[in-house]
Amino acid sequence: TVSTMPETTLKHLARHPRAWYNSLLRETMEVDLRKILDDLDSYNRREVLQTFSKLTDDYDYDLALEAVKEGLARDYLDFDTVAVIAARLRDGGLDMPPSKGPSLLEYDLMLEEVKK
């Protein structure tokens, strides 16, 4: 049977990237994104499809797709970097400043005491 669910098709393409040109998923992609994926060499296309597929394990399809598009626009193809983009998109957008983090003042004071 042939699946028409994008996530299922994507899982198949991640394992068989040469099927990209004949896939239903390719036909549903925006023209610009389709062209970018078409123009990638087979190694990079596989990496992008695998990254996209892994992202759909943790994020909904649309958010994963948006993260892949952002990654491609910035020349980031690897899963780790695109996963950070996906998390940032989910948590408020790419323009959101990073969280402040813990105060290190106590450690600074301790180190000053050690120096004395």
PDB file of N, CA and C in Angstrom:
ATOM      1  N   THR A   1       0.838  -1.192   0.000  1.00  0.00           N
ATOM      2  CA  THR A   1       0.000   0.000   0.000  1.00  0.00           C
ATOM      3  C   THR A   1       0.873   1.243   0.000  1.00  0.00           C
ATOM      4  N   VAL A   2       0.377   2.293  -0.609  1.00  0.00           N
ATOM      5  CA  VAL A   2       1.094   3.561  -0.652  1.00  0.00           C
ATOM      6  C   VAL A   2       0.457   4.499   0.361  1.00  0.00           C
ATOM      7  N   SER A   3       1.294   5.040   1.236  1.00  0.00           N
ATOM      8  CA  SER A   3       0.785   5.940   2.255  1.00  0.00           C
ATOM      9  C   SER A   3       0.740   7.365   1.722  1.00  0.00           C
ATOM     10  N   THR A   4      -0.308   8.091   2.112  1.00  0.00           N
ATOM     11  CA  THR A   4      -0.393   9.499   1.736  1.00  0.00           C
ATOM     12  C   THR A   4      -0.140  10.398   2.939  1.00  0.00           C
ATOM     13  N   MET A   5       0.139   9.817   4.102  1.00  0.00           N
ATOM     14  CA  MET A   5       0.461  10.598   5.292  1.00  0.00           C
ATOM     15  C   MET A   5       1.884  11.131   5.146  1.00  0.00           C
ATOM     16  N   PRO A   6       2.071  12.450   5.248  1.00  0.00           N
ATOM     17  CA  PRO A   6       3.413  13.011   5.065  1.00  0.00           C
ATOM     18  C   PRO A   6       4.455  12.394   5.995  1.00  0.00           C
ATOM     19  N   GLU A   7       4.102  12.182   7.274  1.00  0.00           N
ATOM     20  CA  GLU A   7       5.062  11.644   8.228  1.00  0.00           C
ATOM     21  C   GLU A   7       5.517  10.238   7.833  1.00  0.00           C
ATOM     22  N   THR A   8       4.589   9.414   7.375  1.00  0.00           N
ATOM     23  CA  THR A   8       4.924   8.056   6.963  1.00  0.00           C
ATOM     24  C   THR A   8       5.770   8.078   5.698  1.00  0.00           C
ATOM     25  N   THR A   9       5.389   8.891   4.755  1.00  0.00           N
ATOM     26  CA  THR A   9       6.161   9.044   3.530  1.00  0.00           C
ATOM     27  C   THR A   9       7.558   9.544   3.859  1.00  0.00           C
ATOM     28  N   LEU A  10       7.653  10.483   4.782  1.00  0.00           N
ATOM     29  CA  LEU A  10       8.933  11.044   5.178  1.00  0.00           C
ATOM     30  C   LEU A  10       9.837   9.981   5.795  1.00  0.00           C
ATOM     31  N   LYS A  11       9.289   9.139   6.653  1.00  0.00           N
ATOM     32  CA  LYS A  11      10.086   8.052   7.259  1.00  0.00           C
ATOM     33  C   LYS A  11      10.646   7.144   6.168  1.00  0.00           C
ATOM     34  N   HIS A  12       9.843   6.836   5.175  1.00  0.00           N
ATOM     35  CA  HIS A  12      10.292   5.998   4.064  1.00  0.00           C
ATOM     36  C   HIS A  12      11.397   6.710   3.277  1.00  0.00           C
ATOM     37  N   LEU A  13      11.202   7.990   2.984  1.00  0.00           N
ATOM     38  CA  LEU A  13      12.197   8.740   2.217  1.00  0.00           C
ATOM     39  C   LEU A  13      13.510   8.898   2.973  1.00  0.00           C
ATOM     40  N   ALA A  14      13.441   8.996   4.294  1.00  0.00           N
ATOM     41  CA  ALA A  14      14.668   9.106   5.082  1.00  0.00           C
ATOM     42  C   ALA A  14      15.528   7.858   4.927  1.00  0.00           C
ATOM     43  N   ARG A  15      14.864   6.709   4.737  1.00  0.00           N
ATOM     44  CA  ARG A  15      15.592   5.448   4.531  1.00  0.00           C
ATOM     45  C   ARG A  15      15.928   5.222   3.060  1.00  0.00           C
ATOM     46  N   HIS A  16      15.132   5.799   2.168  1.00  0.00           N
ATOM     47  CA  HIS A  16      15.305   5.593   0.718  1.00  0.00           C
ATOM     48  C   HIS A  16      15.254   6.942  -0.011  1.00  0.00           C
ATOM     49  N   PRO A  17      16.286   7.776   0.169  1.00  0.00           N
ATOM     50  CA  PRO A  17      16.227   9.134  -0.383  1.00  0.00           C
ATOM     51  C   PRO A  17      16.185   9.191  -1.908  1.00  0.00           C
ATOM     52  N   ARG A  18      16.570   8.131  -2.584  1.00  0.00           N
ATOM     53  CA  ARG A  18      16.495   8.151  -4.054  1.00  0.00           C
ATOM     54  C   ARG A  18      15.050   8.149  -4.542  1.00  0.00           C
ATOM     55  N   ALA A  19      14.128   7.805  -3.659  1.00  0.00           N
ATOM     56  CA  ALA A  19      12.709   7.815  -4.023  1.00  0.00           C
ATOM     57  C   ALA A  19      12.128   9.234  -3.989  1.00  0.00           C
ATOM     58  N   TRP A  20      12.923  10.201  -3.587  1.00  0.00           N
ATOM     59  CA  TRP A  20      12.473  11.585  -3.462  1.00  0.00           C
ATOM     60  C   TRP A  20      11.778  12.097  -4.720  1.00  0.00           C
ATOM     61  N   TYR A  21      12.383  11.889  -5.878  1.00  0.00           N
ATOM     62  CA  TYR A  21      11.860  12.469  -7.113  1.00  0.00           C
ATOM     63  C   TYR A  21      10.490  11.911  -7.503  1.00  0.00           C
ATOM     64  N   ASN A  22      10.142  10.734  -7.018  1.00  0.00           N
ATOM     65  CA  ASN A  22       8.856  10.123  -7.350  1.00  0.00           C
ATOM     66  C   ASN A  22       7.876  10.149  -6.186  1.00  0.00           C
ATOM     67  N   SER A  23       8.192  10.903  -5.140  1.00  0.00           N
ATOM     68  CA  SER A  23       7.370  10.845  -3.932  1.00  0.00           C
ATOM     69  C   SER A  23       6.207  11.828  -3.961  1.00  0.00           C
ATOM     70  N   LEU A  24       5.156  11.454  -3.271  1.00  0.00           N
ATOM     71  CA  LEU A  24       4.018  12.357  -3.092  1.00  0.00           C
ATOM     72  C   LEU A  24       4.406  13.547  -2.234  1.00  0.00           C
ATOM     73  N   LEU A  25       5.317  13.328  -1.290  1.00  0.00           N
ATOM     74  CA  LEU A  25       5.760  14.412  -0.421  1.00  0.00           C
ATOM     75  C   LEU A  25       6.409  15.528  -1.245  1.00  0.00           C
ATOM     76  N   ARG A  26       7.236  15.146  -2.197  1.00  0.00           N
ATOM     77  CA  ARG A  26       7.896  16.128  -3.068  1.00  0.00           C
ATOM     78  C   ARG A  26       6.855  16.976  -3.787  1.00  0.00           C
ATOM     79  N   GLU A  27       5.804  16.328  -4.250  1.00  0.00           N
ATOM     80  CA  GLU A  27       4.759  17.043  -4.991  1.00  0.00           C
ATOM     81  C   GLU A  27       3.989  18.032  -4.108  1.00  0.00           C
ATOM     82  N   THR A  28       3.943  17.791  -2.798  1.00  0.00           N
ATOM     83  CA  THR A  28       3.203  18.677  -1.898  1.00  0.00           C
ATOM     84  C   THR A  28       4.059  19.823  -1.366  1.00  0.00           C
ATOM     85  N   MET A  29       5.358  19.763  -1.585  1.00  0.00           N
ATOM     86  CA  MET A  29       6.271  20.796  -1.093  1.00  0.00           C
ATOM     87  C   MET A  29       6.102  22.094  -1.885  1.00  0.00           C
ATOM     88  N   GLU A  30       6.413  23.195  -1.203  1.00  0.00           N
ATOM     89  CA  GLU A  30       6.473  24.486  -1.897  1.00  0.00           C
ATOM     90  C   GLU A  30       7.536  24.383  -2.988  1.00  0.00           C
ATOM     91  N   VAL A  31       7.325  25.100  -4.072  1.00  0.00           N
ATOM     92  CA  VAL A  31       8.239  25.029  -5.216  1.00  0.00           C
ATOM     93  C   VAL A  31       9.671  25.379  -4.809  1.00  0.00           C
ATOM     94  N   ASP A  32       9.841  26.436  -4.012  1.00  0.00           N
ATOM     95  CA  ASP A  32      11.194  26.855  -3.616  1.00  0.00           C
ATOM     96  C   ASP A  32      11.896  25.776  -2.805  1.00  0.00           C
ATOM     97  N   LEU A  33      11.185  25.194  -1.848  1.00  0.00           N
ATOM     98  CA  LEU A  33      11.785  24.143  -1.024  1.00  0.00           C
ATOM     99  C   LEU A  33      12.071  22.895  -1.859  1.00  0.00           C
ATOM    100  N   ARG A  34      11.156  22.545  -2.731  1.00  0.00           N
ATOM    101  CA  ARG A  34      11.359  21.392  -3.612  1.00  0.00           C
ATOM    102  C   ARG A  34      12.624  21.583  -4.450  1.00  0.00           C
ATOM    103  N   LYS A  35      12.811  22.782  -4.983  1.00  0.00           N
ATOM    104  CA  LYS A  35      14.000  23.058  -5.809  1.00  0.00           C
ATOM    105  C   LYS A  35      15.277  22.937  -4.986  1.00  0.00           C
ATOM    106  N   ILE A  36      15.261  23.458  -3.770  1.00  0.00           N
ATOM    107  CA  ILE A  36      16.441  23.355  -2.902  1.00  0.00           C
ATOM    108  C   ILE A  36      16.787  21.887  -2.668  1.00  0.00           C
ATOM    109  N   LEU A  37      15.782  21.083  -2.326  1.00  0.00           N
ATOM    110  CA  LEU A  37      16.030  19.658  -2.075  1.00  0.00           C
ATOM    111  C   LEU A  37      16.447  18.936  -3.358  1.00  0.00           C
ATOM    112  N   ASP A  38      15.846  19.298  -4.466  1.00  0.00           N
ATOM    113  CA  ASP A  38      16.230  18.699  -5.748  1.00  0.00           C
ATOM    114  C   ASP A  38      17.691  18.982  -6.082  1.00  0.00           C
ATOM    115  N   ASP A  39      18.142  20.180  -5.749  1.00  0.00           N
ATOM    116  CA  ASP A  39      19.493  20.601  -6.110  1.00  0.00           C
ATOM    117  C   ASP A  39      20.580  20.075  -5.171  1.00  0.00           C
ATOM    118  N   LEU A  40      20.187  19.543  -4.017  1.00  0.00           N
ATOM    119  CA  LEU A  40      21.184  18.981  -3.104  1.00  0.00           C
ATOM    120  C   LEU A  40      21.763  17.698  -3.683  1.00  0.00           C
ATOM    121  N   ASP A  41      23.033  17.429  -3.343  1.00  0.00           N
ATOM    122  CA  ASP A  41      23.580  16.129  -3.735  1.00  0.00           C
ATOM    123  C   ASP A  41      22.918  15.053  -2.879  1.00  0.00           C
ATOM    124  N   SER A  42      23.069  13.812  -3.265  1.00  0.00           N
ATOM    125  CA  SER A  42      22.332  12.726  -2.601  1.00  0.00           C
ATOM    126  C   SER A  42      22.676  12.611  -1.119  1.00  0.00           C
ATOM    127  N   TYR A  43      23.934  12.854  -0.763  1.00  0.00           N
ATOM    128  CA  TYR A  43      24.331  12.768   0.648  1.00  0.00           C
ATOM    129  C   TYR A  43      23.601  13.820   1.480  1.00  0.00           C
ATOM    130  N   ASN A  44      23.610  15.072   1.024  1.00  0.00           N
ATOM    131  CA  ASN A  44      22.956  16.148   1.773  1.00  0.00           C
ATOM    132  C   ASN A  44      21.439  16.023   1.758  1.00  0.00           C
ATOM    133  N   ARG A  45      20.870  15.549   0.650  1.00  0.00           N
ATOM    134  CA  ARG A  45      19.423  15.332   0.603  1.00  0.00           C
ATOM    135  C   ARG A  45      19.031  14.284   1.646  1.00  0.00           C
ATOM    136  N   ARG A  46      19.808  13.213   1.724  1.00  0.00           N
ATOM    137  CA  ARG A  46      19.540  12.173   2.728  1.00  0.00           C
ATOM    138  C   ARG A  46      19.602  12.775   4.133  1.00  0.00           C
ATOM    139  N   GLU A  47      20.627  13.589   4.388  1.00  0.00           N
ATOM    140  CA  GLU A  47      20.771  14.188   5.711  1.00  0.00           C
ATOM    141  C   GLU A  47      19.575  15.070   6.058  1.00  0.00           C
ATOM    142  N   VAL A  48      19.127  15.880   5.103  1.00  0.00           N
ATOM    143  CA  VAL A  48      17.974  16.753   5.348  1.00  0.00           C
ATOM    144  C   VAL A  48      16.713  15.929   5.587  1.00  0.00           C
ATOM    145  N   LEU A  49      16.487  14.915   4.775  1.00  0.00           N
ATOM    146  CA  LEU A  49      15.293  14.078   4.948  1.00  0.00           C
ATOM    147  C   LEU A  49      15.341  13.319   6.271  1.00  0.00           C
ATOM    148  N   GLN A  50      16.518  12.849   6.676  1.00  0.00           N
ATOM    149  CA  GLN A  50      16.631  12.166   7.961  1.00  0.00           C
ATOM    150  C   GLN A  50      16.405  13.127   9.115  1.00  0.00           C
ATOM    151  N   THR A  51      16.952  14.332   8.988  1.00  0.00           N
ATOM    152  CA  THR A  51      16.738  15.357  10.011  1.00  0.00           C
ATOM    153  C   THR A  51      15.254  15.689  10.125  1.00  0.00           C
ATOM    154  N   PHE A  52      14.616  15.916   9.004  1.00  0.00           N
ATOM    155  CA  PHE A  52      13.186  16.228   8.963  1.00  0.00           C
ATOM    156  C   PHE A  52      12.390  15.089   9.608  1.00  0.00           C
ATOM    157  N   SER A  53      12.715  13.868   9.255  1.00  0.00           N
ATOM    158  CA  SER A  53      12.010  12.711   9.797  1.00  0.00           C
ATOM    159  C   SER A  53      12.180  12.618  11.318  1.00  0.00           C
ATOM    160  N   LYS A  54      13.408  12.796  11.805  1.00  0.00           N
ATOM    161  CA  LYS A  54      13.651  12.738  13.257  1.00  0.00           C
ATOM    162  C   LYS A  54      12.904  13.840  13.985  1.00  0.00           C
ATOM    163  N   LEU A  55      12.846  15.020  13.383  1.00  0.00           N
ATOM    164  CA  LEU A  55      12.146  16.134  14.030  1.00  0.00           C
ATOM    165  C   LEU A  55      10.668  15.838  14.217  1.00  0.00           C
ATOM    166  N   THR A  56      10.073  15.113  13.272  1.00  0.00           N
ATOM    167  CA  THR A  56       8.641  14.800  13.407  1.00  0.00           C
ATOM    168  C   THR A  56       8.373  13.820  14.542  1.00  0.00           C
ATOM    169  N   ASP A  57       9.414  13.210  15.099  1.00  0.00           N
ATOM    170  CA  ASP A  57       9.234  12.368  16.291  1.00  0.00           C
ATOM    171  C   ASP A  57       8.920  13.220  17.516  1.00  0.00           C
ATOM    172  N   ASP A  58       9.450  14.450  17.551  1.00  0.00           N
ATOM    173  CA  ASP A  58       9.301  15.313  18.722  1.00  0.00           C
ATOM    174  C   ASP A  58       8.416  16.537  18.496  1.00  0.00           C
ATOM    175  N   TYR A  59       8.230  16.909  17.237  1.00  0.00           N
ATOM    176  CA  TYR A  59       7.466  18.118  16.906  1.00  0.00           C
ATOM    177  C   TYR A  59       6.423  17.778  15.856  1.00  0.00           C
ATOM    178  N   ASP A  60       5.403  18.611  15.766  1.00  0.00           N
ATOM    179  CA  ASP A  60       4.409  18.354  14.724  1.00  0.00           C
ATOM    180  C   ASP A  60       5.035  18.623  13.354  1.00  0.00           C
ATOM    181  N   TYR A  61       4.409  18.090  12.336  1.00  0.00           N
ATOM    182  CA  TYR A  61       4.945  18.123  10.979  1.00  0.00           C
ATOM    183  C   TYR A  61       5.229  19.550  10.510  1.00  0.00           C
ATOM    184  N   ASP A  62       4.290  20.465  10.745  1.00  0.00           N
ATOM    185  CA  ASP A  62       4.454  21.837  10.257  1.00  0.00           C
ATOM    186  C   ASP A  62       5.628  22.550  10.926  1.00  0.00           C
ATOM    187  N   LEU A  63       5.788  22.351  12.231  1.00  0.00           N
ATOM    188  CA  LEU A  63       6.905  22.976  12.924  1.00  0.00           C
ATOM    189  C   LEU A  63       8.229  22.379  12.449  1.00  0.00           C
ATOM    190  N   ALA A  64       8.266  21.065  12.264  1.00  0.00           N
ATOM    191  CA  ALA A  64       9.477  20.413  11.762  1.00  0.00           C
ATOM    192  C   ALA A  64       9.820  20.934  10.368  1.00  0.00           C
ATOM    193  N   LEU A  65       8.817  21.093   9.541  1.00  0.00           N
ATOM    194  CA  LEU A  65       9.033  21.618   8.188  1.00  0.00           C
ATOM    195  C   LEU A  65       9.584  23.040   8.245  1.00  0.00           C
ATOM    196  N   GLU A  66       9.031  23.861   9.109  1.00  0.00           N
ATOM    197  CA  GLU A  66       9.515  25.237   9.250  1.00  0.00           C
ATOM    198  C   GLU A  66      10.968  25.258   9.729  1.00  0.00           C
ATOM    199  N   ALA A  67      11.307  24.377  10.662  1.00  0.00           N
ATOM    200  CA  ALA A  67      12.691  24.307  11.159  1.00  0.00           C
ATOM    201  C   ALA A  67      13.648  23.874  10.058  1.00  0.00           C
ATOM    202  N   VAL A  68      13.236  22.921   9.244  1.00  0.00           N
ATOM    203  CA  VAL A  68      14.076  22.474   8.126  1.00  0.00           C
ATOM    204  C   VAL A  68      14.273  23.620   7.134  1.00  0.00           C
ATOM    205  N   LYS A  69      13.209  24.354   6.847  1.00  0.00           N
ATOM    206  CA  LYS A  69      13.331  25.489   5.923  1.00  0.00           C
ATOM    207  C   LYS A  69      14.298  26.535   6.473  1.00  0.00           C
ATOM    208  N   GLU A  70      14.186  26.832   7.762  1.00  0.00           N
ATOM    209  CA  GLU A  70      15.100  27.796   8.389  1.00  0.00           C
ATOM    210  C   GLU A  70      16.536  27.275   8.348  1.00  0.00           C
ATOM    211  N   GLY A  71      16.709  25.993   8.639  1.00  0.00           N
ATOM    212  CA  GLY A  71      18.041  25.400   8.600  1.00  0.00           C
ATOM    213  C   GLY A  71      18.651  25.481   7.215  1.00  0.00           C
ATOM    214  N   LEU A  72      17.882  25.147   6.208  1.00  0.00           N
ATOM    215  CA  LEU A  72      18.372  25.216   4.828  1.00  0.00           C
ATOM    216  C   LEU A  72      18.715  26.652   4.438  1.00  0.00           C
ATOM    217  N   ALA A  73      17.912  27.607   4.868  1.00  0.00           N
ATOM    218  CA  ALA A  73      18.172  29.011   4.550  1.00  0.00           C
ATOM    219  C   ALA A  73      19.486  29.488   5.172  1.00  0.00           C
ATOM    220  N   ARG A  74      19.874  28.854   6.279  1.00  0.00           N
ATOM    221  CA  ARG A  74      21.098  29.249   6.984  1.00  0.00           C
ATOM    222  C   ARG A  74      22.253  28.278   6.727  1.00  0.00           C
ATOM    223  N   ASP A  75      22.047  27.341   5.794  1.00  0.00           N
ATOM    224  CA  ASP A  75      23.047  26.312   5.459  1.00  0.00           C
ATOM    225  C   ASP A  75      23.354  25.365   6.613  1.00  0.00           C
ATOM    226  N   TYR A  76      22.368  25.101   7.459  1.00  0.00           N
ATOM    227  CA  TYR A  76      22.508  24.106   8.517  1.00  0.00           C
ATOM    228  C   TYR A  76      21.703  22.883   8.111  1.00  0.00           C
ATOM    229  N   LEU A  77      22.370  21.765   7.930  1.00  0.00           N
ATOM    230  CA  LEU A  77      21.691  20.545   7.514  1.00  0.00           C
ATOM    231  C   LEU A  77      21.649  19.498   8.622  1.00  0.00           C
ATOM    232  N   ASP A  78      22.513  19.632   9.620  1.00  0.00           N
ATOM    233  CA  ASP A  78      22.627  18.583  10.638  1.00  0.00           C
ATOM    234  C   ASP A  78      21.473  18.615  11.638  1.00  0.00           C
ATOM    235  N   PHE A  79      21.165  17.447  12.176  1.00  0.00           N
ATOM    236  CA  PHE A  79      20.019  17.306  13.076  1.00  0.00           C
ATOM    237  C   PHE A  79      20.141  18.189  14.312  1.00  0.00           C
ATOM    238  N   ASP A  80      21.305  18.195  14.951  1.00  0.00           N
ATOM    239  CA  ASP A  80      21.445  18.918  16.217  1.00  0.00           C
ATOM    240  C   ASP A  80      21.134  20.402  16.065  1.00  0.00           C
ATOM    241  N   THR A  81      21.644  21.019  15.020  1.00  0.00           N
ATOM    242  CA  THR A  81      21.410  22.441  14.816  1.00  0.00           C
ATOM    243  C   THR A  81      19.958  22.719  14.439  1.00  0.00           C
ATOM    244  N   VAL A  82      19.397  21.905  13.567  1.00  0.00           N
ATOM    245  CA  VAL A  82      18.010  22.122  13.147  1.00  0.00           C
ATOM    246  C   VAL A  82      17.053  21.817  14.305  1.00  0.00           C
ATOM    247  N   ALA A  83      17.416  20.895  15.182  1.00  0.00           N
ATOM    248  CA  ALA A  83      16.589  20.614  16.363  1.00  0.00           C
ATOM    249  C   ALA A  83      16.553  21.828  17.294  1.00  0.00           C
ATOM    250  N   VAL A  84      17.666  22.543  17.412  1.00  0.00           N
ATOM    251  CA  VAL A  84      17.684  23.774  18.211  1.00  0.00           C
ATOM    252  C   VAL A  84      16.769  24.817  17.572  1.00  0.00           C
ATOM    253  N   ILE A  85      16.815  24.911  16.261  1.00  0.00           N
ATOM    254  CA  ILE A  85      15.924  25.841  15.551  1.00  0.00           C
ATOM    255  C   ILE A  85      14.466  25.472  15.827  1.00  0.00           C
ATOM    256  N   ALA A  86      14.147  24.187  15.773  1.00  0.00           N
ATOM    257  CA  ALA A  86      12.772  23.734  16.044  1.00  0.00           C
ATOM    258  C   ALA A  86      12.354  24.101  17.467  1.00  0.00           C
ATOM    259  N   ALA A  87      13.233  23.889  18.426  1.00  0.00           N
ATOM    260  CA  ALA A  87      12.907  24.217  19.820  1.00  0.00           C
ATOM    261  C   ALA A  87      12.692  25.719  19.981  1.00  0.00           C
ATOM    262  N   ARG A  88      13.525  26.520  19.335  1.00  0.00           N
ATOM    263  CA  ARG A  88      13.366  27.974  19.415  1.00  0.00           C
ATOM    264  C   ARG A  88      12.049  28.407  18.781  1.00  0.00           C
ATOM    265  N   LEU A  89      11.709  27.802  17.636  1.00  0.00           N
ATOM    266  CA  LEU A  89      10.428  28.128  16.987  1.00  0.00           C
ATOM    267  C   LEU A  89       9.258  27.778  17.897  1.00  0.00           C
ATOM    268  N   ARG A  90       9.333  26.627  18.535  1.00  0.00           N
ATOM    269  CA  ARG A  90       8.256  26.187  19.418  1.00  0.00           C
ATOM    270  C   ARG A  90       8.129  27.087  20.645  1.00  0.00           C
ATOM    271  N   ASP A  91       9.267  27.562  21.153  1.00  0.00           N
ATOM    272  CA  ASP A  91       9.271  28.291  22.416  1.00  0.00           C
ATOM    273  C   ASP A  91       9.204  29.803  22.273  1.00  0.00           C
ATOM    274  N   GLY A  92       8.854  30.293  21.099  1.00  0.00           N
ATOM    275  CA  GLY A  92       8.661  31.732  20.991  1.00  0.00           C
ATOM    276  C   GLY A  92       9.274  32.373  19.769  1.00  0.00           C
ATOM    277  N   GLY A  93       9.995  31.629  18.986  1.00  0.00           N
ATOM    278  CA  GLY A  93      10.540  32.184  17.751  1.00  0.00           C
ATOM    279  C   GLY A  93      12.040  32.365  17.792  1.00  0.00           C
ATOM    280  N   LEU A  94      12.593  32.549  16.617  1.00  0.00           N
ATOM    281  CA  LEU A  94      14.040  32.680  16.501  1.00  0.00           C
ATOM    282  C   LEU A  94      14.556  34.017  17.014  1.00  0.00           C
ATOM    283  N   ASP A  95      13.708  35.026  17.042  1.00  0.00           N
ATOM    284  CA  ASP A  95      14.140  36.352  17.481  1.00  0.00           C
ATOM    285  C   ASP A  95      14.050  36.536  18.990  1.00  0.00           C
ATOM    286  N   MET A  96      13.509  35.547  19.686  1.00  0.00           N
ATOM    287  CA  MET A  96      13.386  35.630  21.127  1.00  0.00           C
ATOM    288  C   MET A  96      14.778  35.560  21.754  1.00  0.00           C
ATOM    289  N   PRO A  97      15.106  36.479  22.673  1.00  0.00           N
ATOM    290  CA  PRO A  97      16.433  36.422  23.297  1.00  0.00           C
ATOM    291  C   PRO A  97      16.556  35.164  24.163  1.00  0.00           C
ATOM    292  N   PRO A  98      17.769  34.627  24.289  1.00  0.00           N
ATOM    293  CA  PRO A  98      17.951  33.439  25.124  1.00  0.00           C
ATOM    294  C   PRO A  98      17.627  33.744  26.581  1.00  0.00           C
ATOM    295  N   SER A  99      17.281  32.723  27.328  1.00  0.00           N
ATOM    296  CA  SER A  99      16.964  32.921  28.739  1.00  0.00           C
ATOM    297  C   SER A  99      18.218  33.370  29.487  1.00  0.00           C
ATOM    298  N   LYS A 100      18.022  34.082  30.577  1.00  0.00           N
ATOM    299  CA  LYS A 100      19.127  34.688  31.313  1.00  0.00           C
ATOM    300  C   LYS A 100      20.066  33.648  31.909  1.00  0.00           C
ATOM    301  N   GLY A 101      19.550  32.561  32.391  1.00  0.00           N
ATOM    302  CA  GLY A 101      20.404  31.540  32.995  1.00  0.00           C
ATOM    303  C   GLY A 101      20.683  31.846  34.455  1.00  0.00           C
ATOM    304  N   PRO A 102      21.407  30.941  35.126  1.00  0.00           N
ATOM    305  CA  PRO A 102      21.656  31.117  36.561  1.00  0.00           C
ATOM    306  C   PRO A 102      22.699  32.212  36.819  1.00  0.00           C
ATOM    307  N   SER A 103      22.650  32.792  37.991  1.00  0.00           N
ATOM    308  CA  SER A 103      23.639  33.779  38.407  1.00  0.00           C
ATOM    309  C   SER A 103      24.904  33.048  38.863  1.00  0.00           C
ATOM    310  N   LEU A 104      26.030  33.523  38.402  1.00  0.00           N
ATOM    311  CA  LEU A 104      27.309  32.920  38.787  1.00  0.00           C
ATOM    312  C   LEU A 104      28.031  33.769  39.828  1.00  0.00           C
ATOM    313  N   LEU A 105      27.334  34.732  40.416  1.00  0.00           N
ATOM    314  CA  LEU A 105      27.918  35.623  41.401  1.00  0.00           C
ATOM    315  C   LEU A 105      28.493  34.861  42.588  1.00  0.00           C
ATOM    316  N   GLU A 106      27.774  33.843  43.061  1.00  0.00           N
ATOM    317  CA  GLU A 106      28.259  33.070  44.207  1.00  0.00           C
ATOM    318  C   GLU A 106      29.602  32.404  43.896  1.00  0.00           C
ATOM    319  N   TYR A 107      29.752  31.897  42.705  1.00  0.00           N
ATOM    320  CA  TYR A 107      31.015  31.261  42.320  1.00  0.00           C
ATOM    321  C   TYR A 107      32.132  32.293  42.199  1.00  0.00           C
ATOM    322  N   ASP A 108      31.800  33.462  41.667  1.00  0.00           N
ATOM    323  CA  ASP A 108      32.798  34.519  41.559  1.00  0.00           C
ATOM    324  C   ASP A 108      33.297  34.913  42.940  1.00  0.00           C
ATOM    325  N   LEU A 109      32.360  35.067  43.892  1.00  0.00           N
ATOM    326  CA  LEU A 109      32.741  35.425  45.254  1.00  0.00           C
ATOM    327  C   LEU A 109      33.593  34.346  45.894  1.00  0.00           C
ATOM    328  N   MET A 110      33.257  33.096  45.684  1.00  0.00           N
ATOM    329  CA  MET A 110      34.019  31.978  46.228  1.00  0.00           C
ATOM    330  C   MET A 110      35.445  31.993  45.655  1.00  0.00           C
ATOM    331  N   LEU A 111      35.578  32.229  44.373  1.00  0.00           N
ATOM    332  CA  LEU A 111      36.903  32.251  43.743  1.00  0.00           C
ATOM    333  C   LEU A 111      37.726  33.425  44.259  1.00  0.00           C
ATOM    334  N   GLU A 112      37.073  34.554  44.519  1.00  0.00           N
ATOM    335  CA  GLU A 112      37.783  35.701  45.090  1.00  0.00           C
ATOM    336  C   GLU A 112      38.329  35.355  46.469  1.00  0.00           C
ATOM    337  N   GLU A 113      37.542  34.617  47.258  1.00  0.00           N
ATOM    338  CA  GLU A 113      37.981  34.201  48.601  1.00  0.00           C
ATOM    339  C   GLU A 113      39.168  33.253  48.511  1.00  0.00           C
ATOM    340  N   VAL A 114      39.174  32.365  47.540  1.00  0.00           N
ATOM    341  CA  VAL A 114      40.251  31.398  47.364  1.00  0.00           C
ATOM    342  C   VAL A 114      41.551  32.118  47.000  1.00  0.00           C
ATOM    343  N   LYS A 115      41.461  33.167  46.206  1.00  0.00           N
ATOM    344  CA  LYS A 115      42.646  33.923  45.786  1.00  0.00           C
ATOM    345  C   LYS A 115      43.318  34.640  46.950  1.00  0.00           C
ATOM    346  N   LYS A 116      42.554  34.992  47.999  1.00  0.00           N
ATOM    347  CA  LYS A 116      43.105  35.763  49.142  1.00  0.00           C
ATOM    348  C   LYS A 116      43.968  34.936  50.004  1.00  0.00           C
TER     349      LYS A 116
END
